[in-house]
Protein backbone atom coordinates (compact mmCIF):
# COMPACT_ATOMS: atom_id res chain seq x y z
CA LEU A 1 -8.27 -28.23 59.17
CA SER A 2 -9.43 -25.38 61.41
CA MET A 3 -6.86 -23.48 63.68
CA ALA A 4 -9.53 -21.35 65.35
CA LYS A 5 -9.40 -23.31 68.63
CA ILE A 6 -5.33 -23.15 68.89
CA PRO A 7 -4.01 -20.56 71.03
CA LEU A 8 -2.81 -17.36 69.13
CA MET A 9 0.51 -17.15 70.82
CA LEU A 10 1.26 -20.98 69.89
CA THR A 11 0.32 -20.23 66.43
CA ALA A 12 2.61 -16.86 66.13
CA GLN A 13 5.52 -18.76 67.86
CA THR A 14 5.39 -21.60 65.25
CA CYS A 15 4.81 -19.28 62.33
CA LEU A 16 8.00 -17.32 63.47
CA PHE A 17 9.84 -20.73 63.61
CA LEU A 18 8.73 -21.63 60.32
CA ALA A 19 9.46 -18.24 58.82
CA SER A 20 13.00 -18.05 59.88
CA LYS A 21 13.67 -21.67 58.28
CA VAL A 22 11.80 -20.67 55.06
CA GLU A 23 13.74 -17.20 54.51
CA GLU A 24 16.96 -18.86 55.49
CA ASN A 25 17.27 -16.29 58.52
CA SER A 26 17.30 -19.17 61.11
CA ARG A 27 16.50 -18.47 64.65
CA ARG A 28 16.99 -20.72 67.43
CA MET A 29 13.67 -21.97 69.15
CA ARG A 30 14.97 -20.69 72.26
CA ASP A 31 15.33 -17.21 70.86
CA ILE A 32 11.64 -17.44 69.50
CA LEU A 33 10.30 -18.62 72.85
CA ASN A 34 12.12 -16.04 74.89
CA VAL A 35 10.85 -13.22 72.77
CA THR A 36 7.41 -14.27 72.74
CA TYR A 37 7.27 -15.31 76.29
CA ARG A 38 8.27 -11.91 77.32
CA LEU A 39 5.74 -10.17 75.04
CA GLU A 40 3.09 -12.38 76.68
CA HIS A 41 4.29 -12.02 80.27
CA PRO A 42 6.25 -8.70 80.73
CA GLU A 43 5.96 -8.70 84.48
CA ARG A 44 7.38 -12.25 84.75
CA GLU A 45 11.09 -13.08 85.07
CA PRO A 46 12.74 -14.22 81.72
CA LEU A 47 12.14 -17.67 80.68
CA GLN A 48 14.55 -20.24 82.15
CA VAL A 49 15.08 -23.83 80.92
CA THR A 50 12.79 -25.47 82.94
CA ASN A 51 9.69 -27.84 82.41
CA GLU A 52 7.56 -24.93 81.44
CA TYR A 53 10.24 -24.21 78.48
CA TRP A 54 10.31 -27.74 77.41
CA GLN A 55 6.44 -27.94 77.10
CA MET A 56 6.45 -24.59 75.30
CA LYS A 57 9.16 -25.96 72.62
CA GLU A 58 7.21 -29.33 72.26
CA ALA A 59 4.03 -27.61 71.60
CA VAL A 60 5.78 -25.51 68.90
CA VAL A 61 7.37 -28.71 67.34
CA ARG A 62 3.85 -30.39 67.39
CA HIS A 63 1.94 -27.39 66.23
CA GLU A 64 4.48 -26.98 63.12
CA GLN A 65 2.83 -29.87 61.40
CA LEU A 66 -0.58 -28.72 61.75
CA VAL A 67 0.45 -25.09 60.38
CA LEU A 68 2.31 -26.85 57.25
CA ARG A 69 -0.94 -29.09 56.80
CA VAL A 70 -2.86 -25.75 56.81
CA LEU A 71 -0.69 -24.30 54.43
CA GLU A 72 -0.69 -27.23 52.45
CA PHE A 73 3.07 -27.29 52.71
CA ASN A 74 3.38 -24.35 50.27
CA LEU A 75 5.81 -22.14 51.93
CA THR A 76 6.88 -20.30 48.81
CA SER A 77 6.31 -16.64 48.63
CA ARG A 78 6.92 -13.97 46.06
CA HIS A 79 7.68 -10.63 47.32
CA PRO A 80 6.87 -7.19 45.32
CA HIS A 81 10.19 -6.05 45.99
CA HIS A 82 11.68 -8.41 43.57
CA TYR A 83 9.18 -7.34 40.81
CA VAL A 84 9.53 -3.49 41.54
CA LEU A 85 13.16 -3.37 40.61
CA HIS A 86 12.71 -5.08 37.13
CA PHE A 87 9.76 -2.89 36.34
CA LEU A 88 11.46 -0.02 37.58
CA LYS A 89 14.30 -0.70 35.14
CA ASP A 90 12.10 -1.57 32.25
CA LEU A 91 10.19 1.92 32.71
CA GLN A 92 13.61 3.53 32.82
CA ALA A 93 12.86 5.15 36.28
CA THR A 94 14.80 7.68 38.22
CA GLU A 95 16.55 6.94 41.50
CA GLU A 96 13.89 9.19 43.25
CA LEU A 97 11.06 6.98 41.81
CA ALA A 98 12.77 3.83 42.84
CA THR A 99 13.45 4.83 46.55
CA LEU A 100 9.77 6.07 46.93
CA SER A 101 8.62 2.88 45.50
CA TRP A 102 10.72 0.86 47.59
CA SER A 103 9.71 2.70 50.61
CA LEU A 104 5.84 2.31 49.90
CA LEU A 105 6.50 -1.46 49.40
CA ASN A 106 8.08 -1.71 52.74
CA ASP A 107 4.98 0.18 54.38
CA SER A 108 2.63 -2.05 52.64
CA TYR A 109 3.97 -5.01 54.67
CA ARG A 110 2.09 -3.29 57.53
CA SER A 111 -1.03 -4.29 55.95
CA THR A 112 -2.46 -7.42 54.66
CA LEU A 113 -2.01 -6.69 50.94
CA CYS A 114 0.56 -9.19 50.51
CA LEU A 115 -2.07 -11.92 51.37
CA GLN A 116 -4.80 -10.25 49.20
CA HIS A 117 -3.09 -9.62 46.08
CA LYS A 118 -0.49 -10.67 43.82
CA PRO A 119 2.95 -9.32 44.01
CA GLU A 120 3.08 -7.74 40.60
CA ALA A 121 0.04 -5.78 41.40
CA ILE A 122 1.49 -4.39 44.52
CA ALA A 123 4.69 -3.48 42.65
CA CYS A 124 2.93 -1.65 40.04
CA SER A 125 0.65 0.22 42.55
CA ALA A 126 3.93 1.16 44.52
CA ILE A 127 5.31 2.63 41.36
CA TYR A 128 2.01 4.27 40.38
CA ILE A 129 1.84 6.10 43.68
CA ALA A 130 5.52 7.06 43.97
CA ALA A 131 5.22 8.44 40.09
CA GLU A 132 1.98 10.59 41.04
CA PHE A 133 3.62 11.82 44.12
CA ILE A 134 6.90 13.20 42.48
CA ASN A 135 5.09 13.93 39.31
CA PHE A 136 7.13 11.35 37.29
CA GLN A 137 5.80 10.77 33.56
CA ILE A 138 6.35 7.32 32.53
CA GLN A 139 6.44 7.40 28.95
CA ARG A 140 4.18 4.52 27.51
CA ASP A 141 1.48 4.75 24.77
CA GLU A 142 -0.68 2.05 26.72
CA GLU A 143 -1.39 1.38 30.31
CA TRP A 144 1.94 0.54 31.34
CA TRP A 145 0.82 -1.88 34.14
CA ASP A 146 -0.90 -4.14 31.56
CA LYS A 147 2.53 -5.37 30.51
CA TYR A 148 3.03 -6.45 34.33
CA SER A 149 -0.03 -8.80 34.63
CA THR A 150 -1.92 -5.97 36.29
CA ASN A 151 -5.23 -4.42 35.14
CA ARG A 152 -6.48 -0.85 36.08
CA LEU A 153 -9.26 -2.18 38.72
CA GLU A 154 -6.47 -4.07 40.70
CA LEU A 155 -3.93 -1.39 40.41
CA GLU A 156 -6.41 1.51 41.82
CA ASP A 157 -7.81 -1.19 44.57
CA VAL A 158 -4.09 -1.72 45.82
CA SER A 159 -3.42 1.84 45.56
CA MET A 160 -6.25 2.91 47.62
CA GLN A 161 -5.04 0.41 50.33
CA ILE A 162 -1.37 1.40 50.31
């Protein structure tokens, strides 16, 4: 299936609606349509419940099935934040290292890293960068990231992108 011919705004609206369902942070369709309409048409009056609204809502509902098929109905995602907490505890990290690592992970969401690399590698890279920045020595005999399913090449690649 190709989504190349689908309007970008419709895809964005649909993805926001799906994401709100998946993350148990439900948003009303009306709220999503109002916000995206305002972004697309800042010069116009706010969207009213008119025929235009109902057409937009129906399009999102129809498009939801297409997006689900393209994603092969796989809506699960693993976030690097989950891993970083476990890794930091295992590494006996300081609060300063934990705070900086967490902040780097938050910043990483402004890129496509989460689509390109596994969350374990992103978590390791955030810890690696934070440790270098604050001169924190991770006490391990081996390359510590190996324990967390990350190799040196991936660690360096992700670190450069962060």
